[in-house]
């Protein structure tokens, strides 16, 4: 019950990128949520540089009626509507909240395989 999916946003800050997420489904599923990790370093308020994902349905809001499809929908939503109010990457969250235009430039730079601050990102453009 381990697999990888790709999210390919077609709008918003992350348009044109491809982001892979690994899923590890526990034996207690659906009573426990899957473990989800972003396989690519991404400049995002809700995904830290190690690939950990801040999505409420993967933590306290998980319910057995939710499904893998619900998680995929939630991940897609993170790319169309990043949430600076619930960050794992505080730098990206502050950037989005204070200077959305600068945030957009940093996202594009990261997606092209450049540096944002001290961190180098690999290209994820398709």
PDB file of N, CA and C in Angstrom:
ATOM      1  N   UNK A   1       0.821  -1.199   0.000  1.00  0.00           N
ATOM      2  CA  UNK A   1       0.000   0.000   0.000  1.00  0.00           C
ATOM      3  C   UNK A   1       0.862   1.258   0.000  1.00  0.00           C
ATOM      4  N   UNK A   2       1.922   1.215  -0.761  1.00  0.00           N
ATOM      5  CA  UNK A   2       2.762   2.396  -0.962  1.00  0.00           C
ATOM      6  C   UNK A   2       2.703   2.757  -2.437  1.00  0.00           C
ATOM      7  N   UNK A   3       2.502   4.031  -2.701  1.00  0.00           N
ATOM      8  CA  UNK A   3       2.440   4.479  -4.091  1.00  0.00           C
ATOM      9  C   UNK A   3       2.781   5.957  -4.164  1.00  0.00           C
ATOM     10  N   UNK A   4       2.965   6.442  -5.384  1.00  0.00           N
ATOM     11  CA  UNK A   4       3.302   7.847  -5.632  1.00  0.00           C
ATOM     12  C   UNK A   4       2.280   8.408  -6.614  1.00  0.00           C
ATOM     13  N   UNK A   5       1.827   9.621  -6.351  1.00  0.00           N
ATOM     14  CA  UNK A   5       0.949  10.327  -7.288  1.00  0.00           C
ATOM     15  C   UNK A   5       1.612  11.645  -7.658  1.00  0.00           C
ATOM     16  N   UNK A   6       1.216  12.188  -8.793  1.00  0.00           N
ATOM     17  CA  UNK A   6       1.733  13.487  -9.242  1.00  0.00           C
ATOM     18  C   UNK A   6       0.585  14.491  -9.287  1.00  0.00           C
ATOM     19  N   UNK A   7       0.832  15.655  -8.729  1.00  0.00           N
ATOM     20  CA  UNK A   7      -0.101  16.777  -8.804  1.00  0.00           C
ATOM     21  C   UNK A   7       0.484  17.741  -9.833  1.00  0.00           C
ATOM     22  N   UNK A   8      -0.336  18.149 -10.810  1.00  0.00           N
ATOM     23  CA  UNK A   8       0.103  19.055 -11.872  1.00  0.00           C
ATOM     24  C   UNK A   8      -0.872  20.228 -11.945  1.00  0.00           C
ATOM     25  N   UNK A   9      -0.627  21.271 -11.137  1.00  0.00           N
ATOM     26  CA  UNK A   9      -1.554  22.410 -11.119  1.00  0.00           C
ATOM     27  C   UNK A   9      -1.629  23.101 -12.482  1.00  0.00           C
ATOM     28  N   UNK A  10      -2.846  23.475 -12.864  1.00  0.00           N
ATOM     29  CA  UNK A  10      -3.012  24.186 -14.134  1.00  0.00           C
ATOM     30  C   UNK A  10      -3.428  25.636 -13.927  1.00  0.00           C
ATOM     31  N   UNK A  11      -3.359  26.099 -12.673  1.00  0.00           N
ATOM     32  CA  UNK A  11      -3.623  27.511 -12.378  1.00  0.00           C
ATOM     33  C   UNK A  11      -2.909  27.877 -11.087  1.00  0.00           C
ATOM     34  N   UNK A  12      -2.834  29.168 -10.828  1.00  0.00           N
ATOM     35  CA  UNK A  12      -2.239  29.647  -9.583  1.00  0.00           C
ATOM     36  C   UNK A  12      -0.725  29.757  -9.636  1.00  0.00           C
ATOM     37  N   UNK A  13      -0.131  29.957  -8.468  1.00  0.00           N
ATOM     38  CA  UNK A  13       1.308  30.162  -8.340  1.00  0.00           C
ATOM     39  C   UNK A  13       2.120  28.995  -8.904  1.00  0.00           C
ATOM     40  N   UNK A  14       1.596  27.786  -8.793  1.00  0.00           N
ATOM     41  CA  UNK A  14       2.358  26.574  -9.119  1.00  0.00           C
ATOM     42  C   UNK A  14       2.005  25.991 -10.491  1.00  0.00           C
ATOM     43  N   UNK A  15       1.308  26.784 -11.307  1.00  0.00           N
ATOM     44  CA  UNK A  15       0.898  26.361 -12.650  1.00  0.00           C
ATOM     45  C   UNK A  15       2.110  25.886 -13.457  1.00  0.00           C
ATOM     46  N   UNK A  16       1.957  24.738 -14.094  1.00  0.00           N
ATOM     47  CA  UNK A  16       3.016  24.215 -14.942  1.00  0.00           C
ATOM     48  C   UNK A  16       3.999  23.300 -14.244  1.00  0.00           C
ATOM     49  N   UNK A  17       3.875  23.160 -12.943  1.00  0.00           N
ATOM     50  CA  UNK A  17       4.797  22.300 -12.200  1.00  0.00           C
ATOM     51  C   UNK A  17       4.247  20.889 -12.027  1.00  0.00           C
ATOM     52  N   UNK A  18       5.141  19.980 -11.706  1.00  0.00           N
ATOM     53  CA  UNK A  18       4.758  18.602 -11.382  1.00  0.00           C
ATOM     54  C   UNK A  18       5.343  18.278 -10.016  1.00  0.00           C
ATOM     55  N   UNK A  19       4.492  17.845  -9.110  1.00  0.00           N
ATOM     56  CA  UNK A  19       4.892  17.587  -7.730  1.00  0.00           C
ATOM     57  C   UNK A  19       4.459  16.169  -7.353  1.00  0.00           C
ATOM     58  N   UNK A  20       5.433  15.327  -7.011  1.00  0.00           N
ATOM     59  CA  UNK A  20       5.140  13.947  -6.641  1.00  0.00           C
ATOM     60  C   UNK A  20       4.986  13.829  -5.130  1.00  0.00           C
ATOM     61  N   UNK A  21       4.015  13.025  -4.738  1.00  0.00           N
ATOM     62  CA  UNK A  21       3.749  12.751  -3.334  1.00  0.00           C
ATOM     63  C   UNK A  21       3.743  11.246  -3.117  1.00  0.00           C
ATOM     64  N   UNK A  22       4.497  10.796  -2.120  1.00  0.00           N
ATOM     65  CA  UNK A  22       4.474   9.378  -1.769  1.00  0.00           C
ATOM     66  C   UNK A  22       3.414   9.172  -0.688  1.00  0.00           C
ATOM     67  N   UNK A  23       2.707   8.077  -0.811  1.00  0.00           N
ATOM     68  CA  UNK A  23       1.666   7.687   0.128  1.00  0.00           C
ATOM     69  C   UNK A  23       2.073   6.361   0.756  1.00  0.00           C
ATOM     70  N   UNK A  24       1.959   6.281   2.057  1.00  0.00           N
ATOM     71  CA  UNK A  24       2.122   5.021   2.779  1.00  0.00           C
ATOM     72  C   UNK A  24       0.826   4.815   3.560  1.00  0.00           C
ATOM     73  N   UNK A  25       0.073   3.828   3.154  1.00  0.00           N
ATOM     74  CA  UNK A  25      -1.223   3.577   3.769  1.00  0.00           C
ATOM     75  C   UNK A  25      -1.037   2.577   4.908  1.00  0.00           C
ATOM     76  N   UNK A  26      -1.377   2.978   6.135  1.00  0.00           N
ATOM     77  CA  UNK A  26      -1.161   2.088   7.291  1.00  0.00           C
ATOM     78  C   UNK A  26      -2.156   0.926   7.317  1.00  0.00           C
ATOM     79  N   UNK A  27      -1.817  -0.097   8.043  1.00  0.00           N
ATOM     80  CA  UNK A  27      -2.704  -1.255   8.144  1.00  0.00           C
ATOM     81  C   UNK A  27      -4.024  -0.891   8.839  1.00  0.00           C
ATOM     82  N   UNK A  28      -4.032   0.171   9.615  1.00  0.00           N
ATOM     83  CA  UNK A  28      -5.256   0.598  10.309  1.00  0.00           C
ATOM     84  C   UNK A  28      -6.139   1.519   9.451  1.00  0.00           C
ATOM     85  N   UNK A  29      -5.752   1.765   8.197  1.00  0.00           N
ATOM     86  CA  UNK A  29      -6.576   2.557   7.293  1.00  0.00           C
ATOM     87  C   UNK A  29      -7.905   1.835   7.099  1.00  0.00           C
ATOM     88  N   UNK A  30      -9.028   2.490   7.139  1.00  0.00           N
ATOM     89  CA  UNK A  30      -9.265   3.925   7.098  1.00  0.00           C
ATOM     90  C   UNK A  30      -9.377   4.595   8.468  1.00  0.00           C
ATOM     91  N   UNK A  31      -9.039   3.885   9.525  1.00  0.00           N
ATOM     92  CA  UNK A  31      -9.131   4.483  10.856  1.00  0.00           C
ATOM     93  C   UNK A  31      -7.943   5.391  11.167  1.00  0.00           C
ATOM     94  N   UNK A  32      -6.877   5.267  10.397  1.00  0.00           N
ATOM     95  CA  UNK A  32      -5.724   6.161  10.487  1.00  0.00           C
ATOM     96  C   UNK A  32      -5.467   6.726   9.098  1.00  0.00           C
ATOM     97  N   UNK A  33      -5.015   7.983   9.026  1.00  0.00           N
ATOM     98  CA  UNK A  33      -4.761   8.580   7.711  1.00  0.00           C
ATOM     99  C   UNK A  33      -3.481   8.017   7.077  1.00  0.00           C
ATOM    100  N   UNK A  34      -3.382   8.136   5.762  1.00  0.00           N
ATOM    101  CA  UNK A  34      -2.133   7.742   5.120  1.00  0.00           C
ATOM    102  C   UNK A  34      -1.020   8.720   5.498  1.00  0.00           C
ATOM    103  N   UNK A  35       0.210   8.259   5.433  1.00  0.00           N
ATOM    104  CA  UNK A  35       1.372   9.133   5.610  1.00  0.00           C
ATOM    105  C   UNK A  35       1.717   9.657   4.220  1.00  0.00           C
ATOM    106  N   UNK A  36       1.784  10.970   4.101  1.00  0.00           N
ATOM    107  CA  UNK A  36       2.009  11.593   2.800  1.00  0.00           C
ATOM    108  C   UNK A  36       3.231  12.483   2.888  1.00  0.00           C
ATOM    109  N   UNK A  37       4.057  12.416   1.845  1.00  0.00           N
ATOM    110  CA  UNK A  37       5.284  13.205   1.814  1.00  0.00           C
ATOM    111  C   UNK A  37       5.507  13.714   0.391  1.00  0.00           C
ATOM    112  N   UNK A  38       5.899  14.976   0.285  1.00  0.00           N
ATOM    113  CA  UNK A  38       6.250  15.549  -1.014  1.00  0.00           C
ATOM    114  C   UNK A  38       7.670  15.114  -1.354  1.00  0.00           C
ATOM    115  N   UNK A  39       7.848  14.538  -2.527  1.00  0.00           N
ATOM    116  CA  UNK A  39       9.136  13.988  -2.922  1.00  0.00           C
ATOM    117  C   UNK A  39      10.078  15.035  -3.523  1.00  0.00           C
ATOM    118  N   UNK A  40       9.589  16.222  -3.747  1.00  0.00           N
ATOM    119  CA  UNK A  40      10.380  17.293  -4.348  1.00  0.00           C
ATOM    120  C   UNK A  40      10.427  18.474  -3.390  1.00  0.00           C
ATOM    121  N   UNK A  41      11.586  19.082  -3.254  1.00  0.00           N
ATOM    122  CA  UNK A  41      11.685  20.294  -2.443  1.00  0.00           C
ATOM    123  C   UNK A  41      10.878  21.386  -3.147  1.00  0.00           C
ATOM    124  N   UNK A  42       9.971  22.009  -2.405  1.00  0.00           N
ATOM    125  CA  UNK A  42       9.086  23.012  -2.982  1.00  0.00           C
ATOM    126  C   UNK A  42       9.007  24.207  -2.037  1.00  0.00           C
ATOM    127  N   UNK A  43       8.943  25.398  -2.616  1.00  0.00           N
ATOM    128  CA  UNK A  43       8.783  26.630  -1.842  1.00  0.00           C
ATOM    129  C   UNK A  43       7.290  26.839  -1.644  1.00  0.00           C
ATOM    130  N   UNK A  44       6.787  26.403  -0.477  1.00  0.00           N
ATOM    131  CA  UNK A  44       5.348  26.409  -0.232  1.00  0.00           C
ATOM    132  C   UNK A  44       5.105  26.609   1.265  1.00  0.00           C
ATOM    133  N   UNK A  45       4.140  27.445   1.639  1.00  0.00           N
ATOM    134  CA  UNK A  45       3.880  27.675   3.065  1.00  0.00           C
ATOM    135  C   UNK A  45       3.477  26.415   3.837  1.00  0.00           C
ATOM    136  N   UNK A  46       2.819  25.468   3.163  1.00  0.00           N
ATOM    137  CA  UNK A  46       2.264  24.314   3.858  1.00  0.00           C
ATOM    138  C   UNK A  46       3.033  23.011   3.636  1.00  0.00           C
ATOM    139  N   UNK A  47       4.206  23.121   3.002  1.00  0.00           N
ATOM    140  CA  UNK A  47       5.078  21.967   2.792  1.00  0.00           C
ATOM    141  C   UNK A  47       6.479  22.408   3.179  1.00  0.00           C
ATOM    142  N   UNK A  48       7.089  21.724   4.142  1.00  0.00           N
ATOM    143  CA  UNK A  48       8.436  22.145   4.533  1.00  0.00           C
ATOM    144  C   UNK A  48       9.478  21.611   3.550  1.00  0.00           C
ATOM    145  N   UNK A  49      10.703  22.032   3.729  1.00  0.00           N
ATOM    146  CA  UNK A  49      11.765  21.689   2.783  1.00  0.00           C
ATOM    147  C   UNK A  49      12.141  20.208   2.836  1.00  0.00           C
ATOM    148  N   UNK A  50      11.659  19.494   3.855  1.00  0.00           N
ATOM    149  CA  UNK A  50      11.891  18.045   3.948  1.00  0.00           C
ATOM    150  C   UNK A  50      10.745  17.238   3.342  1.00  0.00           C
ATOM    151  N   UNK A  51       9.706  17.919   2.871  1.00  0.00           N
ATOM    152  CA  UNK A  51       8.592  17.226   2.229  1.00  0.00           C
ATOM    153  C   UNK A  51       7.405  16.928   3.122  1.00  0.00           C
ATOM    154  N   UNK A  52       7.467  17.348   4.384  1.00  0.00           N
ATOM    155  CA  UNK A  52       6.325  17.152   5.279  1.00  0.00           C
ATOM    156  C   UNK A  52       5.185  18.072   4.850  1.00  0.00           C
ATOM    157  N   UNK A  53       3.969  17.572   4.929  1.00  0.00           N
ATOM    158  CA  UNK A  53       2.800  18.291   4.432  1.00  0.00           C
ATOM    159  C   UNK A  53       1.890  18.671   5.592  1.00  0.00           C
ATOM    160  N   UNK A  54       1.480  19.933   5.624  1.00  0.00           N
ATOM    161  CA  UNK A  54       0.536  20.415   6.628  1.00  0.00           C
ATOM    162  C   UNK A  54      -0.846  20.475   5.982  1.00  0.00           C
ATOM    163  N   UNK A  55      -1.617  19.427   6.207  1.00  0.00           N
ATOM    164  CA  UNK A  55      -2.974  19.331   5.678  1.00  0.00           C
ATOM    165  C   UNK A  55      -3.828  18.746   6.803  1.00  0.00           C
ATOM    166  N   UNK A  56      -4.828  19.500   7.235  1.00  0.00           N
ATOM    167  CA  UNK A  56      -5.589  19.128   8.434  1.00  0.00           C
ATOM    168  C   UNK A  56      -6.184  17.722   8.365  1.00  0.00           C
ATOM    169  N   UNK A  57      -6.596  17.264   7.183  1.00  0.00           N
ATOM    170  CA  UNK A  57      -7.194  15.923   7.123  1.00  0.00           C
ATOM    171  C   UNK A  57      -6.149  14.813   7.252  1.00  0.00           C
ATOM    172  N   UNK A  58      -4.878  15.167   7.226  1.00  0.00           N
ATOM    173  CA  UNK A  58      -3.836  14.175   7.484  1.00  0.00           C
ATOM    174  C   UNK A  58      -3.495  14.103   8.971  1.00  0.00           C
ATOM    175  N   UNK A  59      -4.129  14.965   9.754  1.00  0.00           N
ATOM    176  CA  UNK A  59      -3.863  14.997  11.199  1.00  0.00           C
ATOM    177  C   UNK A  59      -5.179  14.922  11.963  1.00  0.00           C
ATOM    178  N   UNK A  60      -5.495  16.006  12.640  1.00  0.00           N
ATOM    179  CA  UNK A  60      -6.615  16.008  13.577  1.00  0.00           C
ATOM    180  C   UNK A  60      -7.989  15.894  12.928  1.00  0.00           C
ATOM    181  N   UNK A  61      -8.137  16.259  11.672  1.00  0.00           N
ATOM    182  CA  UNK A  61      -9.452  16.215  11.035  1.00  0.00           C
ATOM    183  C   UNK A  61      -9.705  14.938  10.232  1.00  0.00           C
ATOM    184  N   UNK A  62      -8.821  13.943  10.367  1.00  0.00           N
ATOM    185  CA  UNK A  62      -9.030  12.684   9.647  1.00  0.00           C
ATOM    186  C   UNK A  62     -10.240  11.952  10.233  1.00  0.00           C
ATOM    187  N   UNK A  63     -11.071  11.411   9.348  1.00  0.00           N
ATOM    188  CA  UNK A  63     -12.207  10.584   9.740  1.00  0.00           C
ATOM    189  C   UNK A  63     -12.228   9.368   8.820  1.00  0.00           C
ATOM    190  N   UNK A  64     -12.652   8.223   9.299  1.00  0.00           N
ATOM    191  CA  UNK A  64     -12.663   7.014   8.466  1.00  0.00           C
ATOM    192  C   UNK A  64     -13.502   7.130   7.184  1.00  0.00           C
ATOM    193  N   UNK A  65     -14.423   8.091   7.128  1.00  0.00           N
ATOM    194  CA  UNK A  65     -15.215   8.259   5.899  1.00  0.00           C
ATOM    195  C   UNK A  65     -14.411   8.944   4.794  1.00  0.00           C
ATOM    196  N   UNK A  66     -13.271   9.545   5.161  1.00  0.00           N
ATOM    197  CA  UNK A  66     -12.423  10.180   4.145  1.00  0.00           C
ATOM    198  C   UNK A  66     -11.665   9.095   3.386  1.00  0.00           C
ATOM    199  N   UNK A  67     -11.182   9.462   2.213  1.00  0.00           N
ATOM    200  CA  UNK A  67     -10.520   8.488   1.352  1.00  0.00           C
ATOM    201  C   UNK A  67      -9.220   9.063   0.800  1.00  0.00           C
ATOM    202  N   UNK A  68      -8.514   8.236   0.068  1.00  0.00           N
ATOM    203  CA  UNK A  68      -7.309   8.688  -0.632  1.00  0.00           C
ATOM    204  C   UNK A  68      -7.675   9.825  -1.586  1.00  0.00           C
ATOM    205  N   UNK A  69      -8.834   9.724  -2.222  1.00  0.00           N
ATOM    206  CA  UNK A  69      -9.297  10.799  -3.121  1.00  0.00           C
ATOM    207  C   UNK A  69      -9.447  12.119  -2.376  1.00  0.00           C
ATOM    208  N   UNK A  70      -9.911  12.062  -1.138  1.00  0.00           N
ATOM    209  CA  UNK A  70     -10.043  13.280  -0.328  1.00  0.00           C
ATOM    210  C   UNK A  70      -8.682  13.918  -0.087  1.00  0.00           C
ATOM    211  N   UNK A  71      -7.677  13.084   0.171  1.00  0.00           N
ATOM    212  CA  UNK A  71      -6.327  13.590   0.406  1.00  0.00           C
ATOM    213  C   UNK A  71      -5.779  14.220  -0.874  1.00  0.00           C
ATOM    214  N   UNK A  72      -5.988  13.565  -2.013  1.00  0.00           N
ATOM    215  CA  UNK A  72      -5.502  14.101  -3.286  1.00  0.00           C
ATOM    216  C   UNK A  72      -6.180  15.440  -3.578  1.00  0.00           C
ATOM    217  N   UNK A  73      -7.472  15.531  -3.316  1.00  0.00           N
ATOM    218  CA  UNK A  73      -8.179  16.797  -3.492  1.00  0.00           C
ATOM    219  C   UNK A  73      -7.584  17.869  -2.575  1.00  0.00           C
ATOM    220  N   UNK A  74      -7.308  17.518  -1.318  1.00  0.00           N
ATOM    221  CA  UNK A  74      -6.701  18.462  -0.369  1.00  0.00           C
ATOM    222  C   UNK A  74      -5.330  18.932  -0.829  1.00  0.00           C
ATOM    223  N   UNK A  75      -4.525  18.019  -1.354  1.00  0.00           N
ATOM    224  CA  UNK A  75      -3.205  18.405  -1.871  1.00  0.00           C
ATOM    225  C   UNK A  75      -3.350  19.354  -3.052  1.00  0.00           C
ATOM    226  N   UNK A  76      -4.282  19.065  -3.940  1.00  0.00           N
ATOM    227  CA  UNK A  76      -4.527  19.958  -5.084  1.00  0.00           C
ATOM    228  C   UNK A  76      -4.937  21.343  -4.607  1.00  0.00           C
ATOM    229  N   UNK A  77      -5.766  21.378  -3.585  1.00  0.00           N
ATOM    230  CA  UNK A  77      -6.225  22.651  -3.030  1.00  0.00           C
ATOM    231  C   UNK A  77      -5.057  23.450  -2.439  1.00  0.00           C
ATOM    232  N   UNK A  78      -4.090  22.764  -1.823  1.00  0.00           N
ATOM    233  CA  UNK A  78      -2.917  23.469  -1.281  1.00  0.00           C
ATOM    234  C   UNK A  78      -2.163  24.220  -2.374  1.00  0.00           C
ATOM    235  N   UNK A  79      -2.149  23.678  -3.586  1.00  0.00           N
ATOM    236  CA  UNK A  79      -1.439  24.348  -4.667  1.00  0.00           C
ATOM    237  C   UNK A  79      -2.253  25.477  -5.283  1.00  0.00           C
ATOM    238  N   UNK A  80      -3.577  25.379  -5.250  1.00  0.00           N
ATOM    239  CA  UNK A  80      -4.382  26.477  -5.792  1.00  0.00           C
ATOM    240  C   UNK A  80      -4.626  27.566  -4.754  1.00  0.00           C
ATOM    241  N   UNK A  81      -4.603  27.195  -3.465  1.00  0.00           N
ATOM    242  CA  UNK A  81      -4.844  28.156  -2.388  1.00  0.00           C
ATOM    243  C   UNK A  81      -3.904  27.889  -1.215  1.00  0.00           C
ATOM    244  N   UNK A  82      -2.609  28.225  -1.350  1.00  0.00           N
ATOM    245  CA  UNK A  82      -1.695  28.034  -0.216  1.00  0.00           C
ATOM    246  C   UNK A  82      -2.185  28.825   0.993  1.00  0.00           C
ATOM    247  N   UNK A  83      -2.000  28.257   2.180  1.00  0.00           N
ATOM    248  CA  UNK A  83      -2.536  28.858   3.405  1.00  0.00           C
ATOM    249  C   UNK A  83      -1.395  29.375   4.291  1.00  0.00           C
ATOM    250  N   UNK A  84      -1.163  30.689   4.312  1.00  0.00           N
ATOM    251  CA  UNK A  84      -0.087  31.222   5.155  1.00  0.00           C
ATOM    252  C   UNK A  84      -0.411  31.200   6.645  1.00  0.00           C
ATOM    253  N   UNK A  85      -1.669  30.896   7.005  1.00  0.00           N
ATOM    254  CA  UNK A  85      -2.073  30.908   8.414  1.00  0.00           C
ATOM    255  C   UNK A  85      -1.803  29.583   9.134  1.00  0.00           C
ATOM    256  N   UNK A  86      -1.404  28.549   8.397  1.00  0.00           N
ATOM    257  CA  UNK A  86      -1.120  27.235   8.999  1.00  0.00           C
ATOM    258  C   UNK A  86       0.162  26.683   8.369  1.00  0.00           C
ATOM    259  N   UNK A  87       1.301  27.385   8.625  1.00  0.00           N
ATOM    260  CA  UNK A  87       2.515  27.059   7.864  1.00  0.00           C
ATOM    261  C   UNK A  87       3.388  25.955   8.467  1.00  0.00           C
ATOM    262  N   UNK A  88       4.091  25.284   7.582  1.00  0.00           N
ATOM    263  CA  UNK A  88       5.238  24.461   7.965  1.00  0.00           C
ATOM    264  C   UNK A  88       6.516  25.181   7.544  1.00  0.00           C
ATOM    265  N   UNK A  89       6.430  25.946   6.457  1.00  0.00           N
ATOM    266  CA  UNK A  89       7.548  26.765   5.999  1.00  0.00           C
ATOM    267  C   UNK A  89       7.193  28.220   6.332  1.00  0.00           C
ATOM    268  N   UNK A  90       7.660  28.682   7.480  1.00  0.00           N
ATOM    269  CA  UNK A  90       7.297  30.015   7.968  1.00  0.00           C
ATOM    270  C   UNK A  90       7.805  31.127   7.048  1.00  0.00           C
ATOM    271  N   UNK A  91       8.982  30.940   6.458  1.00  0.00           N
ATOM    272  CA  UNK A  91       9.529  31.942   5.536  1.00  0.00           C
ATOM    273  C   UNK A  91       8.605  32.137   4.333  1.00  0.00           C
ATOM    274  N   UNK A  92       8.169  31.047   3.726  1.00  0.00           N
ATOM    275  CA  UNK A  92       7.266  31.134   2.574  1.00  0.00           C
ATOM    276  C   UNK A  92       5.921  31.725   2.994  1.00  0.00           C
ATOM    277  N   UNK A  93       5.436  31.363   4.171  1.00  0.00           N
ATOM    278  CA  UNK A  93       4.160  31.886   4.651  1.00  0.00           C
ATOM    279  C   UNK A  93       4.221  33.405   4.862  1.00  0.00           C
ATOM    280  N   UNK A  94       5.304  33.868   5.493  1.00  0.00           N
ATOM    281  CA  UNK A  94       5.460  35.312   5.699  1.00  0.00           C
ATOM    282  C   UNK A  94       5.582  36.035   4.364  1.00  0.00           C
ATOM    283  N   UNK A  95       6.313  35.438   3.432  1.00  0.00           N
ATOM    284  CA  UNK A  95       6.478  36.011   2.099  1.00  0.00           C
ATOM    285  C   UNK A  95       5.116  36.155   1.416  1.00  0.00           C
ATOM    286  N   UNK A  96       4.293  35.108   1.471  1.00  0.00           N
ATOM    287  CA  UNK A  96       2.961  35.152   0.853  1.00  0.00           C
ATOM    288  C   UNK A  96       2.074  36.187   1.533  1.00  0.00           C
ATOM    289  N   UNK A  97       2.092  36.225   2.860  1.00  0.00           N
ATOM    290  CA  UNK A  97       1.221  37.144   3.600  1.00  0.00           C
ATOM    291  C   UNK A  97       1.630  38.607   3.416  1.00  0.00           C
ATOM    292  N   UNK A  98       2.931  38.879   3.395  1.00  0.00           N
ATOM    293  CA  UNK A  98       3.417  40.267   3.340  1.00  0.00           C
ATOM    294  C   UNK A  98       3.580  40.792   1.925  1.00  0.00           C
ATOM    295  N   UNK A  99       4.143  39.983   1.047  1.00  0.00           N
ATOM    296  CA  UNK A  99       4.445  40.458  -0.311  1.00  0.00           C
ATOM    297  C   UNK A  99       4.107  39.371  -1.336  1.00  0.00           C
ATOM    298  N   UNK A 100       2.827  39.234  -1.667  1.00  0.00           N
ATOM    299  CA  UNK A 100       2.419  38.182  -2.609  1.00  0.00           C
ATOM    300  C   UNK A 100       3.166  38.227  -3.950  1.00  0.00           C
ATOM    301  N   UNK A 101       3.527  39.415  -4.406  1.00  0.00           N
ATOM    302  CA  UNK A 101       4.271  39.502  -5.680  1.00  0.00           C
ATOM    303  C   UNK A 101       5.665  38.902  -5.537  1.00  0.00           C
ATOM    304  N   UNK A 102       6.317  39.155  -4.418  1.00  0.00           N
ATOM    305  CA  UNK A 102       7.635  38.567  -4.164  1.00  0.00           C
ATOM    306  C   UNK A 102       7.512  37.051  -3.985  1.00  0.00           C
ATOM    307  N   UNK A 103       6.455  36.618  -3.302  1.00  0.00           N
ATOM    308  CA  UNK A 103       6.200  35.190  -3.146  1.00  0.00           C
ATOM    309  C   UNK A 103       6.070  34.532  -4.518  1.00  0.00           C
ATOM    310  N   UNK A 104       5.296  35.146  -5.408  1.00  0.00           N
ATOM    311  CA  UNK A 104       5.114  34.597  -6.762  1.00  0.00           C
ATOM    312  C   UNK A 104       6.451  34.483  -7.489  1.00  0.00           C
ATOM    313  N   UNK A 105       7.313  35.485  -7.361  1.00  0.00           N
ATOM    314  CA  UNK A 105       8.643  35.433  -8.001  1.00  0.00           C
ATOM    315  C   UNK A 105       9.488  34.323  -7.395  1.00  0.00           C
ATOM    316  N   UNK A 106       9.428  34.148  -6.080  1.00  0.00           N
ATOM    317  CA  UNK A 106      10.193  33.088  -5.423  1.00  0.00           C
ATOM    318  C   UNK A 106       9.692  31.700  -5.819  1.00  0.00           C
ATOM    319  N   UNK A 107       8.382  31.533  -5.918  1.00  0.00           N
ATOM    320  CA  UNK A 107       7.829  30.250  -6.363  1.00  0.00           C
ATOM    321  C   UNK A 107       8.329  29.946  -7.771  1.00  0.00           C
ATOM    322  N   UNK A 108       8.258  30.924  -8.661  1.00  0.00           N
ATOM    323  CA  UNK A 108       8.680  30.709 -10.053  1.00  0.00           C
ATOM    324  C   UNK A 108      10.169  30.378 -10.102  1.00  0.00           C
ATOM    325  N   UNK A 109      10.969  31.098  -9.326  1.00  0.00           N
ATOM    326  CA  UNK A 109      12.418  30.847  -9.281  1.00  0.00           C
ATOM    327  C   UNK A 109      12.697  29.424  -8.799  1.00  0.00           C
ATOM    328  N   UNK A 110      12.009  29.013  -7.749  1.00  0.00           N
ATOM    329  CA  UNK A 110      12.192  27.658  -7.225  1.00  0.00           C
ATOM    330  C   UNK A 110      11.759  26.616  -8.253  1.00  0.00           C
ATOM    331  N   UNK A 111      10.639  26.845  -8.909  1.00  0.00           N
ATOM    332  CA  UNK A 111      10.139  25.890  -9.890  1.00  0.00           C
ATOM    333  C   UNK A 111      11.055  25.779 -11.110  1.00  0.00           C
ATOM    334  N   UNK A 112      11.803  26.833 -11.395  1.00  0.00           N
ATOM    335  CA  UNK A 112      12.735  26.815 -12.527  1.00  0.00           C
ATOM    336  C   UNK A 112      14.070  26.172 -12.172  1.00  0.00           C
ATOM    337  N   UNK A 113      14.248  25.858 -10.904  1.00  0.00           N
ATOM    338  CA  UNK A 113      15.481  25.208 -10.483  1.00  0.00           C
ATOM    339  C   UNK A 113      16.510  26.169  -9.929  1.00  0.00           C
ATOM    340  N   UNK A 114      16.071  27.285  -9.381  1.00  0.00           N
ATOM    341  CA  UNK A 114      16.991  28.280  -8.842  1.00  0.00           C
ATOM    342  C   UNK A 114      17.056  28.262  -7.326  1.00  0.00           C
ATOM    343  N   UNK A 115      17.660  29.310  -6.807  1.00  0.00           N
ATOM    344  CA  UNK A 115      17.802  29.480  -5.357  1.00  0.00           C
ATOM    345  C   UNK A 115      16.734  30.433  -4.844  1.00  0.00           C
ATOM    346  N   UNK A 116      16.250  30.139  -3.646  1.00  0.00           N
ATOM    347  CA  UNK A 116      15.444  31.075  -2.866  1.00  0.00           C
ATOM    348  C   UNK A 116      16.138  31.112  -1.516  1.00  0.00           C
ATOM    349  N   UNK A 117      16.738  32.263  -1.216  1.00  0.00           N
ATOM    350  CA  UNK A 117      17.566  32.354  -0.017  1.00  0.00           C
ATOM    351  C   UNK A 117      18.748  31.415  -0.159  1.00  0.00           C
ATOM    352  N   UNK A 118      18.984  30.600   0.840  1.00  0.00           N
ATOM    353  CA  UNK A 118      20.104  29.652   0.839  1.00  0.00           C
ATOM    354  C   UNK A 118      19.726  28.285   0.257  1.00  0.00           C
ATOM    355  N   UNK A 119      18.497  28.128  -0.180  1.00  0.00           N
ATOM    356  CA  UNK A 119      18.006  26.819  -0.600  1.00  0.00           C
ATOM    357  C   UNK A 119      17.935  26.709  -2.117  1.00  0.00           C
ATOM    358  N   UNK A 120      18.511  25.632  -2.635  1.00  0.00           N
ATOM    359  CA  UNK A 120      18.461  25.360  -4.065  1.00  0.00           C
ATOM    360  C   UNK A 120      17.340  24.369  -4.333  1.00  0.00           C
ATOM    361  N   UNK A 121      16.597  24.642  -5.376  1.00  0.00           N
ATOM    362  CA  UNK A 121      15.482  23.807  -5.776  1.00  0.00           C
ATOM    363  C   UNK A 121      15.770  23.218  -7.159  1.00  0.00           C
ATOM    364  N   UNK A 122      15.208  22.062  -7.441  1.00  0.00           N
ATOM    365  CA  UNK A 122      15.357  21.489  -8.767  1.00  0.00           C
ATOM    366  C   UNK A 122      14.113  21.834  -9.592  1.00  0.00           C
ATOM    367  N   UNK A 123      14.298  21.942 -10.883  1.00  0.00           N
ATOM    368  CA  UNK A 123      13.185  22.318 -11.762  1.00  0.00           C
ATOM    369  C   UNK A 123      12.073  21.280 -11.705  1.00  0.00           C
ATOM    370  N   UNK A 124      10.858  21.762 -11.661  1.00  0.00           N
ATOM    371  CA  UNK A 124       9.693  20.875 -11.668  1.00  0.00           C
ATOM    372  C   UNK A 124       8.737  21.229 -12.798  1.00  0.00           C
ATOM    373  N   UNK A 125       9.205  22.063 -13.717  1.00  0.00           N
ATOM    374  CA  UNK A 125       8.342  22.486 -14.814  1.00  0.00           C
ATOM    375  C   UNK A 125       8.224  21.381 -15.842  1.00  0.00           C
ATOM    376  N   UNK A 126       7.026  21.220 -16.367  1.00  0.00           N
ATOM    377  CA  UNK A 126       6.797  20.185 -17.374  1.00  0.00           C
ATOM    378  C   UNK A 126       6.890  20.760 -18.757  1.00  0.00           C
TER     379      UNK A 126
END
